[in-house]
């Protein structure tokens, strides 16, 4: 396992066609949107969930690749496992020992961090990888569609409809949206949590393949389009992240409403900062 020794900043670009990339439960599960600009939003929590799901499938919860925040998990039960470990029981500082146990065994903890202070205390972990909300390049048109199910739930409903047996519903989609997310990987925090080069490669693999592991009718066609990585040759970095992100320009090239990635052009200006290399993974 090679220790991570380089700060990394990255731009992740993905799109959605005829789907809801991230529903807002406070707005009837409509696609999330910036109310002032109309730009679509996808939360960091949503993207992290997809990464977790990918890792869970890819690694099958193997040693060192368990997932702390997984579906139907009881988090304090997972923390209890750490305190039941013989090495943790023998440690003088049981909280710190439990924290390291959790980092060692759970991929998402050493990657994204966790608060584990309820119940038996396993401390707090600041994850090596942090993500922003993804924001669409242009405003989105959130659409609602009426849908029909040729069945009812109960006999009472069937009697009321005289055997017609239809159930009406609604489905929300975005015809097309291109989203940009910015990410940060701290070598300093990686060394504290044990996030290493193998974990980093798995994270890149997840960004490339996580939508294929999360298909559903509600999501429509979601696809990764670009992953642009800025790798510094030091732990602290050689340039401000925002200046590096400014080198990436996403520009609409069609006259009307965009309906595919082909309606955009992504360009990367030459990097003026020494000690930073630029790589396109996707």
C-alpha atoms as a PDB file:
ATOM      1  CA  UNK A   1       0.000   0.000   0.000  1.00  0.00           C
ATOM      2  CA  UNK A   2       1.641   3.225  -1.179  1.00  0.00           C
ATOM      3  CA  UNK A   3       1.087   6.301   0.955  1.00  0.00           C
ATOM      4  CA  UNK A   4      -0.570   9.258  -0.738  1.00  0.00           C
ATOM      5  CA  UNK A   5       1.970  12.101  -0.971  1.00  0.00           C
ATOM      6  CA  UNK A   6       0.337  14.527  -3.390  1.00  0.00           C
ATOM      7  CA  UNK A   7      -2.525  16.966  -3.006  1.00  0.00           C
ATOM      8  CA  UNK A   8      -5.083  16.471  -5.761  1.00  0.00           C
ATOM      9  CA  UNK A   9      -7.892  18.660  -7.048  1.00  0.00           C
ATOM     10  CA  UNK A  10     -10.281  17.455  -9.713  1.00  0.00           C
ATOM     11  CA  UNK A  11     -13.233  18.388 -11.898  1.00  0.00           C
ATOM     12  CA  UNK A  12     -15.895  15.734 -12.480  1.00  0.00           C
ATOM     13  CA  UNK A  13     -18.403  16.318 -15.265  1.00  0.00           C
ATOM     14  CA  UNK A  14     -21.460  14.106 -15.748  1.00  0.00           C
ATOM     15  CA  UNK A  15     -24.839  14.415 -17.404  1.00  0.00           C
ATOM     16  CA  UNK A  16     -28.413  13.196 -17.186  1.00  0.00           C
ATOM     17  CA  UNK A  17     -30.937  12.645 -19.948  1.00  0.00           C
ATOM     18  CA  UNK A  18     -34.642  12.153 -19.224  1.00  0.00           C
ATOM     19  CA  UNK A  19     -34.089  11.402 -15.566  1.00  0.00           C
ATOM     20  CA  UNK A  20     -34.020  12.844 -12.072  1.00  0.00           C
ATOM     21  CA  UNK A  21     -30.390  12.952 -10.899  1.00  0.00           C
ATOM     22  CA  UNK A  22     -31.204  13.969  -7.319  1.00  0.00           C
ATOM     23  CA  UNK A  23     -34.738  14.490  -6.077  1.00  0.00           C
ATOM     24  CA  UNK A  24     -35.545  17.081  -3.403  1.00  0.00           C
ATOM     25  CA  UNK A  25     -37.822  15.581  -0.698  1.00  0.00           C
ATOM     26  CA  UNK A  26     -38.810  19.113   0.351  1.00  0.00           C
ATOM     27  CA  UNK A  27     -40.164  19.800  -3.150  1.00  0.00           C
ATOM     28  CA  UNK A  28     -42.142  16.663  -3.944  1.00  0.00           C
ATOM     29  CA  UNK A  29     -38.951  14.905  -5.103  1.00  0.00           C
ATOM     30  CA  UNK A  30     -38.534  17.280  -8.046  1.00  0.00           C
ATOM     31  CA  UNK A  31     -34.953  17.635  -9.331  1.00  0.00           C
ATOM     32  CA  UNK A  32     -32.945  19.911  -7.058  1.00  0.00           C
ATOM     33  CA  UNK A  33     -32.560  23.407  -8.418  1.00  0.00           C
ATOM     34  CA  UNK A  34     -31.032  26.752  -7.453  1.00  0.00           C
ATOM     35  CA  UNK A  35     -34.160  28.858  -7.029  1.00  0.00           C
ATOM     36  CA  UNK A  36     -32.399  32.072  -8.059  1.00  0.00           C
ATOM     37  CA  UNK A  37     -30.682  30.864 -11.234  1.00  0.00           C
ATOM     38  CA  UNK A  38     -32.558  27.746 -12.280  1.00  0.00           C
ATOM     39  CA  UNK A  39     -29.325  25.743 -12.323  1.00  0.00           C
ATOM     40  CA  UNK A  40     -29.699  22.100 -11.379  1.00  0.00           C
ATOM     41  CA  UNK A  41     -27.994  20.753  -8.266  1.00  0.00           C
ATOM     42  CA  UNK A  42     -26.789  17.327  -7.174  1.00  0.00           C
ATOM     43  CA  UNK A  43     -25.622  17.096  -3.574  1.00  0.00           C
ATOM     44  CA  UNK A  44     -22.277  15.742  -2.472  1.00  0.00           C
ATOM     45  CA  UNK A  45     -24.183  13.233  -0.327  1.00  0.00           C
ATOM     46  CA  UNK A  46     -25.884  11.844  -3.447  1.00  0.00           C
ATOM     47  CA  UNK A  47     -22.567  11.369  -5.240  1.00  0.00           C
ATOM     48  CA  UNK A  48     -20.923   9.792  -2.192  1.00  0.00           C
ATOM     49  CA  UNK A  49     -23.803   7.324  -1.969  1.00  0.00           C
ATOM     50  CA  UNK A  50     -23.085   6.181  -5.519  1.00  0.00           C
ATOM     51  CA  UNK A  51     -19.383   5.797  -4.744  1.00  0.00           C
ATOM     52  CA  UNK A  52     -20.238   3.709  -1.679  1.00  0.00           C
ATOM     53  CA  UNK A  53     -22.577   1.518  -3.700  1.00  0.00           C
ATOM     54  CA  UNK A  54     -19.916   0.956  -6.358  1.00  0.00           C
ATOM     55  CA  UNK A  55     -17.267  -0.013  -3.800  1.00  0.00           C
ATOM     56  CA  UNK A  56     -19.694  -2.334  -2.033  1.00  0.00           C
ATOM     57  CA  UNK A  57     -20.355  -4.169  -5.308  1.00  0.00           C
ATOM     58  CA  UNK A  58     -16.760  -4.088  -6.558  1.00  0.00           C
ATOM     59  CA  UNK A  59     -15.137  -5.258  -3.319  1.00  0.00           C
ATOM     60  CA  UNK A  60     -18.020  -7.303  -1.878  1.00  0.00           C
ATOM     61  CA  UNK A  61     -17.314  -5.922   1.604  1.00  0.00           C
ATOM     62  CA  UNK A  62     -13.882  -7.575   1.688  1.00  0.00           C
ATOM     63  CA  UNK A  63     -11.534  -6.901   4.608  1.00  0.00           C
ATOM     64  CA  UNK A  64     -10.669  -3.229   4.630  1.00  0.00           C
ATOM     65  CA  UNK A  65     -13.467  -2.363   2.191  1.00  0.00           C
ATOM     66  CA  UNK A  66     -16.570  -2.535   4.335  1.00  0.00           C
ATOM     67  CA  UNK A  67     -19.010   0.371   4.051  1.00  0.00           C
ATOM     68  CA  UNK A  68     -20.034   2.211   7.222  1.00  0.00           C
ATOM     69  CA  UNK A  69     -23.025   4.120   5.817  1.00  0.00           C
ATOM     70  CA  UNK A  70     -24.804   1.381   3.896  1.00  0.00           C
ATOM     71  CA  UNK A  71     -28.479   0.738   3.375  1.00  0.00           C
ATOM     72  CA  UNK A  72     -30.340  -0.226   6.565  1.00  0.00           C
ATOM     73  CA  UNK A  73     -27.142  -0.112   8.636  1.00  0.00           C
ATOM     74  CA  UNK A  74     -27.300   0.620  12.376  1.00  0.00           C
ATOM     75  CA  UNK A  75     -24.246   2.814  12.822  1.00  0.00           C
ATOM     76  CA  UNK A  76     -23.752   2.333  16.551  1.00  0.00           C
ATOM     77  CA  UNK A  77     -23.709  -1.435  16.001  1.00  0.00           C
ATOM     78  CA  UNK A  78     -20.819  -0.964  13.590  1.00  0.00           C
ATOM     79  CA  UNK A  79     -19.000   1.193  16.150  1.00  0.00           C
ATOM     80  CA  UNK A  80     -19.570  -1.486  18.805  1.00  0.00           C
ATOM     81  CA  UNK A  81     -17.626  -3.908  16.598  1.00  0.00           C
ATOM     82  CA  UNK A  82     -14.560  -1.699  16.961  1.00  0.00           C
ATOM     83  CA  UNK A  83     -14.778  -1.721  20.762  1.00  0.00           C
ATOM     84  CA  UNK A  84     -15.150  -5.503  20.745  1.00  0.00           C
ATOM     85  CA  UNK A  85     -11.813  -5.871  18.940  1.00  0.00           C
ATOM     86  CA  UNK A  86      -9.095  -7.288  21.191  1.00  0.00           C
ATOM     87  CA  UNK A  87      -6.520  -4.658  20.243  1.00  0.00           C
ATOM     88  CA  UNK A  88      -8.958  -1.845  20.984  1.00  0.00           C
ATOM     89  CA  UNK A  89      -9.839  -3.389  24.344  1.00  0.00           C
ATOM     90  CA  UNK A  90      -6.141  -3.562  25.235  1.00  0.00           C
ATOM     91  CA  UNK A  91      -5.405   0.037  24.178  1.00  0.00           C
ATOM     92  CA  UNK A  92      -5.008   2.825  26.720  1.00  0.00           C
ATOM     93  CA  UNK A  93      -6.832   5.314  24.519  1.00  0.00           C
ATOM     94  CA  UNK A  94      -9.793   3.224  23.408  1.00  0.00           C
ATOM     95  CA  UNK A  95     -11.435   6.061  21.475  1.00  0.00           C
ATOM     96  CA  UNK A  96      -8.354   6.620  19.312  1.00  0.00           C
ATOM     97  CA  UNK A  97      -7.849   2.883  18.855  1.00  0.00           C
ATOM     98  CA  UNK A  98     -11.479   2.498  17.801  1.00  0.00           C
ATOM     99  CA  UNK A  99     -11.114   5.412  15.390  1.00  0.00           C
ATOM    100  CA  UNK A 100      -8.146   3.753  13.717  1.00  0.00           C
ATOM    101  CA  UNK A 101      -9.993   0.413  13.617  1.00  0.00           C
ATOM    102  CA  UNK A 102     -12.865   2.089  11.770  1.00  0.00           C
ATOM    103  CA  UNK A 103     -10.508   3.795   9.320  1.00  0.00           C
ATOM    104  CA  UNK A 104      -8.731   0.523   8.612  1.00  0.00           C
ATOM    105  CA  UNK A 105     -11.879  -1.508   8.019  1.00  0.00           C
ATOM    106  CA  UNK A 106     -14.298   0.930   6.378  1.00  0.00           C
ATOM    107  CA  UNK A 107     -13.465   2.400   2.980  1.00  0.00           C
ATOM    108  CA  UNK A 108     -15.972   5.240   3.186  1.00  0.00           C
ATOM    109  CA  UNK A 109     -14.679   6.386   6.582  1.00  0.00           C
ATOM    110  CA  UNK A 110     -11.070   6.789   5.493  1.00  0.00           C
ATOM    111  CA  UNK A 111     -12.292   8.331   2.225  1.00  0.00           C
ATOM    112  CA  UNK A 112     -15.109  10.690   3.277  1.00  0.00           C
ATOM    113  CA  UNK A 113     -14.823  10.746   7.061  1.00  0.00           C
ATOM    114  CA  UNK A 114     -17.461  10.137   9.735  1.00  0.00           C
ATOM    115  CA  UNK A 115     -18.753  11.316  13.096  1.00  0.00           C
ATOM    116  CA  UNK A 116     -18.771   8.342  15.481  1.00  0.00           C
ATOM    117  CA  UNK A 117     -19.351   9.946  18.872  1.00  0.00           C
ATOM    118  CA  UNK A 118     -22.767   8.489  19.710  1.00  0.00           C
ATOM    119  CA  UNK A 119     -22.893   5.358  21.815  1.00  0.00           C
ATOM    120  CA  UNK A 120     -19.425   3.884  22.281  1.00  0.00           C
ATOM    121  CA  UNK A 121     -17.102   6.669  21.175  1.00  0.00           C
ATOM    122  CA  UNK A 122     -14.916   6.135  18.103  1.00  0.00           C
ATOM    123  CA  UNK A 123     -14.155   9.823  17.608  1.00  0.00           C
ATOM    124  CA  UNK A 124     -14.443  11.876  14.445  1.00  0.00           C
ATOM    125  CA  UNK A 125     -12.635  11.410  11.138  1.00  0.00           C
ATOM    126  CA  UNK A 126     -12.009  14.091   8.552  1.00  0.00           C
ATOM    127  CA  UNK A 127     -12.015  12.276   5.241  1.00  0.00           C
ATOM    128  CA  UNK A 128      -9.279  12.680   2.656  1.00  0.00           C
ATOM    129  CA  UNK A 129     -11.803  13.226  -0.169  1.00  0.00           C
ATOM    130  CA  UNK A 130     -14.257  16.104  -0.200  1.00  0.00           C
ATOM    131  CA  UNK A 131     -16.805  17.014  -2.883  1.00  0.00           C
ATOM    132  CA  UNK A 132     -18.840  20.097  -3.673  1.00  0.00           C
ATOM    133  CA  UNK A 133     -22.434  20.109  -4.864  1.00  0.00           C
ATOM    134  CA  UNK A 134     -22.547  19.473  -8.590  1.00  0.00           C
ATOM    135  CA  UNK A 135     -24.127  22.372 -10.488  1.00  0.00           C
ATOM    136  CA  UNK A 136     -25.497  22.304 -14.019  1.00  0.00           C
ATOM    137  CA  UNK A 137     -23.755  24.401 -16.658  1.00  0.00           C
ATOM    138  CA  UNK A 138     -27.076  25.832 -17.862  1.00  0.00           C
ATOM    139  CA  UNK A 139     -30.484  26.167 -16.253  1.00  0.00           C
ATOM    140  CA  UNK A 140     -32.560  23.004 -16.303  1.00  0.00           C
ATOM    141  CA  UNK A 141     -36.215  22.450 -17.119  1.00  0.00           C
ATOM    142  CA  UNK A 142     -37.682  20.242 -14.401  1.00  0.00           C
ATOM    143  CA  UNK A 143     -40.615  18.434 -15.978  1.00  0.00           C
ATOM    144  CA  UNK A 144     -43.424  16.372 -14.458  1.00  0.00           C
ATOM    145  CA  UNK A 145     -45.105  13.567 -16.386  1.00  0.00           C
ATOM    146  CA  UNK A 146     -48.364  11.803 -15.624  1.00  0.00           C
ATOM    147  CA  UNK A 147     -47.982   8.033 -15.585  1.00  0.00           C
ATOM    148  CA  UNK A 148     -50.507   5.190 -15.384  1.00  0.00           C
ATOM    149  CA  UNK A 149     -50.247   1.836 -13.652  1.00  0.00           C
ATOM    150  CA  UNK A 150     -52.629  -0.793 -14.999  1.00  0.00           C
ATOM    151  CA  UNK A 151     -53.344  -2.133 -11.523  1.00  0.00           C
ATOM    152  CA  UNK A 152     -54.615  -1.022  -8.121  1.00  0.00           C
ATOM    153  CA  UNK A 153     -53.381  -1.802  -4.630  1.00  0.00           C
ATOM    154  CA  UNK A 154     -56.540  -3.006  -2.856  1.00  0.00           C
ATOM    155  CA  UNK A 155     -59.828  -4.722  -3.613  1.00  0.00           C
ATOM    156  CA  UNK A 156     -61.610  -1.600  -2.360  1.00  0.00           C
ATOM    157  CA  UNK A 157     -59.926   0.478  -5.070  1.00  0.00           C
ATOM    158  CA  UNK A 158     -60.912  -2.089  -7.706  1.00  0.00           C
ATOM    159  CA  UNK A 159     -64.559  -2.014  -6.604  1.00  0.00           C
ATOM    160  CA  UNK A 160     -64.566   1.786  -6.647  1.00  0.00           C
ATOM    161  CA  UNK A 161     -63.269   1.822 -10.246  1.00  0.00           C
ATOM    162  CA  UNK A 162     -65.656  -0.878 -11.390  1.00  0.00           C
ATOM    163  CA  UNK A 163     -62.813  -3.108 -12.510  1.00  0.00           C
ATOM    164  CA  UNK A 164     -60.992  -0.454 -14.539  1.00  0.00           C
ATOM    165  CA  UNK A 165     -58.066  -0.853 -12.157  1.00  0.00           C
ATOM    166  CA  UNK A 166     -55.832   2.097 -13.021  1.00  0.00           C
ATOM    167  CA  UNK A 167     -53.576   4.093 -10.730  1.00  0.00           C
ATOM    168  CA  UNK A 168     -52.337   7.538 -11.738  1.00  0.00           C
ATOM    169  CA  UNK A 169     -48.968   8.905 -10.669  1.00  0.00           C
ATOM    170  CA  UNK A 170     -46.345  11.543 -11.432  1.00  0.00           C
ATOM    171  CA  UNK A 171     -42.734  11.279 -12.532  1.00  0.00           C
ATOM    172  CA  UNK A 172     -40.202  14.133 -12.576  1.00  0.00           C
ATOM    173  CA  UNK A 173     -37.327  14.368 -15.057  1.00  0.00           C
ATOM    174  CA  UNK A 174     -34.730  16.697 -16.496  1.00  0.00           C
ATOM    175  CA  UNK A 175     -34.727  16.510 -20.333  1.00  0.00           C
ATOM    176  CA  UNK A 176     -30.980  17.124 -20.274  1.00  0.00           C
ATOM    177  CA  UNK A 177     -28.490  18.573 -17.859  1.00  0.00           C
ATOM    178  CA  UNK A 178     -24.681  18.710 -17.779  1.00  0.00           C
ATOM    179  CA  UNK A 179     -23.339  18.937 -14.224  1.00  0.00           C
ATOM    180  CA  UNK A 180     -19.926  19.962 -12.910  1.00  0.00           C
ATOM    181  CA  UNK A 181     -18.599  18.840  -9.516  1.00  0.00           C
ATOM    182  CA  UNK A 182     -15.322  19.918  -7.921  1.00  0.00           C
ATOM    183  CA  UNK A 183     -13.332  17.680  -5.615  1.00  0.00           C
ATOM    184  CA  UNK A 184     -10.371  17.883  -3.286  1.00  0.00           C
ATOM    185  CA  UNK A 185      -8.060  15.164  -1.993  1.00  0.00           C
ATOM    186  CA  UNK A 186      -5.814  16.006   0.944  1.00  0.00           C
ATOM    187  CA  UNK A 187      -2.597  14.019   1.215  1.00  0.00           C
ATOM    188  CA  UNK A 188      -2.243  15.187   4.803  1.00  0.00           C
ATOM    189  CA  UNK A 189      -5.648  13.820   5.830  1.00  0.00           C
ATOM    190  CA  UNK A 190      -5.033  10.704   3.731  1.00  0.00           C
ATOM    191  CA  UNK A 191      -1.964   9.909   5.807  1.00  0.00           C
ATOM    192  CA  UNK A 192      -4.061  10.285   8.975  1.00  0.00           C
ATOM    193  CA  UNK A 193      -6.865   7.984   7.834  1.00  0.00           C
ATOM    194  CA  UNK A 194      -4.827   5.449   5.839  1.00  0.00           C
ATOM    195  CA  UNK A 195      -6.343   6.430   2.475  1.00  0.00           C
ATOM    196  CA  UNK A 196      -3.651   5.218   0.081  1.00  0.00           C
ATOM    197  CA  UNK A 197      -2.899   4.974  -3.641  1.00  0.00           C
ATOM    198  CA  UNK A 198      -4.985   1.803  -3.995  1.00  0.00           C
ATOM    199  CA  UNK A 199      -7.944   3.554  -2.383  1.00  0.00           C
ATOM    200  CA  UNK A 200      -7.436   6.489  -4.728  1.00  0.00           C
ATOM    201  CA  UNK A 201      -7.533   4.250  -7.803  1.00  0.00           C
ATOM    202  CA  UNK A 202     -10.708   2.635  -6.516  1.00  0.00           C
ATOM    203  CA  UNK A 203     -12.227   6.097  -6.115  1.00  0.00           C
ATOM    204  CA  UNK A 204     -11.369   6.983  -9.730  1.00  0.00           C
ATOM    205  CA  UNK A 205     -12.856   3.656 -10.830  1.00  0.00           C
ATOM    206  CA  UNK A 206     -16.025   4.489  -8.895  1.00  0.00           C
ATOM    207  CA  UNK A 207     -16.421   7.872 -10.597  1.00  0.00           C
ATOM    208  CA  UNK A 208     -16.067   6.164 -13.969  1.00  0.00           C
ATOM    209  CA  UNK A 209     -18.426   3.264 -13.282  1.00  0.00           C
ATOM    210  CA  UNK A 210     -20.809   4.179 -10.470  1.00  0.00           C
ATOM    211  CA  UNK A 211     -23.737   5.169 -12.685  1.00  0.00           C
ATOM    212  CA  UNK A 212     -23.685   1.728 -14.316  1.00  0.00           C
ATOM    213  CA  UNK A 213     -24.105   0.211 -10.831  1.00  0.00           C
ATOM    214  CA  UNK A 214     -27.010   2.515  -9.964  1.00  0.00           C
ATOM    215  CA  UNK A 215     -29.387   2.246 -12.900  1.00  0.00           C
ATOM    216  CA  UNK A 216     -33.079   2.913 -12.333  1.00  0.00           C
ATOM    217  CA  UNK A 217     -36.013   4.193 -14.347  1.00  0.00           C
ATOM    218  CA  UNK A 218     -36.080   7.336 -12.203  1.00  0.00           C
ATOM    219  CA  UNK A 219     -32.444   8.202 -12.975  1.00  0.00           C
ATOM    220  CA  UNK A 220     -32.817   8.094 -16.760  1.00  0.00           C
ATOM    221  CA  UNK A 221     -29.497   8.039 -18.579  1.00  0.00           C
ATOM    222  CA  UNK A 222     -26.724   9.294 -16.295  1.00  0.00           C
ATOM    223  CA  UNK A 223     -23.171   9.143 -17.628  1.00  0.00           C
ATOM    224  CA  UNK A 224     -19.677  10.318 -16.640  1.00  0.00           C
ATOM    225  CA  UNK A 225     -18.251  12.589 -19.340  1.00  0.00           C
ATOM    226  CA  UNK A 226     -15.000  14.078 -18.027  1.00  0.00           C
ATOM    227  CA  UNK A 227     -12.666  13.603 -15.066  1.00  0.00           C
ATOM    228  CA  UNK A 228      -9.894  16.178 -15.059  1.00  0.00           C
ATOM    229  CA  UNK A 229      -7.236  15.752 -12.369  1.00  0.00           C
ATOM    230  CA  UNK A 230      -4.775  18.361 -11.118  1.00  0.00           C
ATOM    231  CA  UNK A 231      -1.980  16.589  -9.231  1.00  0.00           C
ATOM    232  CA  UNK A 232       0.437  18.654  -7.152  1.00  0.00           C
ATOM    233  CA  UNK A 233       3.980  17.484  -6.500  1.00  0.00           C
ATOM    234  CA  UNK A 234       3.694  18.263  -2.783  1.00  0.00           C
ATOM    235  CA  UNK A 235       1.461  17.528   0.184  1.00  0.00           C
ATOM    236  CA  UNK A 236       0.285  21.128   0.592  1.00  0.00           C
ATOM    237  CA  UNK A 237      -0.053  21.856  -3.111  1.00  0.00           C
ATOM    238  CA  UNK A 238       1.449  24.323  -5.558  1.00  0.00           C
ATOM    239  CA  UNK A 239      -1.545  26.399  -6.651  1.00  0.00           C
ATOM    240  CA  UNK A 240      -4.975  27.458  -5.369  1.00  0.00           C
ATOM    241  CA  UNK A 241      -7.700  25.013  -6.338  1.00  0.00           C
ATOM    242  CA  UNK A 242     -10.013  27.732  -7.677  1.00  0.00           C
ATOM    243  CA  UNK A 243      -7.321  28.951 -10.093  1.00  0.00           C
ATOM    244  CA  UNK A 244      -6.887  25.425 -11.408  1.00  0.00           C
ATOM    245  CA  UNK A 245     -10.627  24.952 -11.813  1.00  0.00           C
ATOM    246  CA  UNK A 246     -10.767  28.201 -13.812  1.00  0.00           C
ATOM    247  CA  UNK A 247      -8.584  26.511 -16.446  1.00  0.00           C
ATOM    248  CA  UNK A 248     -11.510  24.241 -17.334  1.00  0.00           C
ATOM    249  CA  UNK A 249     -14.150  25.854 -19.540  1.00  0.00           C
ATOM    250  CA  UNK A 250     -17.439  24.193 -20.420  1.00  0.00           C
ATOM    251  CA  UNK A 251     -19.191  26.016 -23.227  1.00  0.00           C
ATOM    252  CA  UNK A 252     -22.505  25.340 -24.973  1.00  0.00           C
ATOM    253  CA  UNK A 253     -22.084  25.124 -28.741  1.00  0.00           C
ATOM    254  CA  UNK A 254     -25.696  24.677 -29.914  1.00  0.00           C
ATOM    255  CA  UNK A 255     -28.214  27.457 -30.528  1.00  0.00           C
ATOM    256  CA  UNK A 256     -31.219  25.981 -28.747  1.00  0.00           C
ATOM    257  CA  UNK A 257     -31.646  23.941 -25.603  1.00  0.00           C
ATOM    258  CA  UNK A 258     -28.864  21.358 -25.185  1.00  0.00           C
ATOM    259  CA  UNK A 259     -29.946  17.744 -25.373  1.00  0.00           C
ATOM    260  CA  UNK A 260     -26.633  15.837 -25.329  1.00  0.00           C
ATOM    261  CA  UNK A 261     -22.976  16.161 -24.362  1.00  0.00           C
ATOM    262  CA  UNK A 262     -22.236  16.817 -28.036  1.00  0.00           C
ATOM    263  CA  UNK A 263     -23.901  20.220 -27.540  1.00  0.00           C
ATOM    264  CA  UNK A 264     -20.986  21.278 -25.306  1.00  0.00           C
ATOM    265  CA  UNK A 265     -17.268  21.795 -25.672  1.00  0.00           C
ATOM    266  CA  UNK A 266     -14.849  21.253 -22.798  1.00  0.00           C
ATOM    267  CA  UNK A 267     -11.447  22.921 -23.030  1.00  0.00           C
ATOM    268  CA  UNK A 268      -8.502  22.960 -20.623  1.00  0.00           C
ATOM    269  CA  UNK A 269      -6.150  25.936 -20.767  1.00  0.00           C
ATOM    270  CA  UNK A 270      -2.403  25.305 -20.320  1.00  0.00           C
ATOM    271  CA  UNK A 271      -1.509  25.187 -16.637  1.00  0.00           C
ATOM    272  CA  UNK A 272       0.640  28.220 -15.705  1.00  0.00           C
ATOM    273  CA  UNK A 273       1.619  26.827 -12.308  1.00  0.00           C
ATOM    274  CA  UNK A 274       4.773  24.841 -11.745  1.00  0.00           C
ATOM    275  CA  UNK A 275       4.592  21.574  -9.854  1.00  0.00           C
ATOM    276  CA  UNK A 276       1.067  20.734 -11.100  1.00  0.00           C
ATOM    277  CA  UNK A 277       0.345  18.076 -13.717  1.00  0.00           C
ATOM    278  CA  UNK A 278      -2.972  17.764 -15.528  1.00  0.00           C
ATOM    279  CA  UNK A 279      -4.504  14.423 -16.499  1.00  0.00           C
ATOM    280  CA  UNK A 280      -7.811  13.425 -18.066  1.00  0.00           C
ATOM    281  CA  UNK A 281      -9.075  10.101 -16.690  1.00  0.00           C
ATOM    282  CA  UNK A 282     -12.321  10.084 -18.675  1.00  0.00           C
END
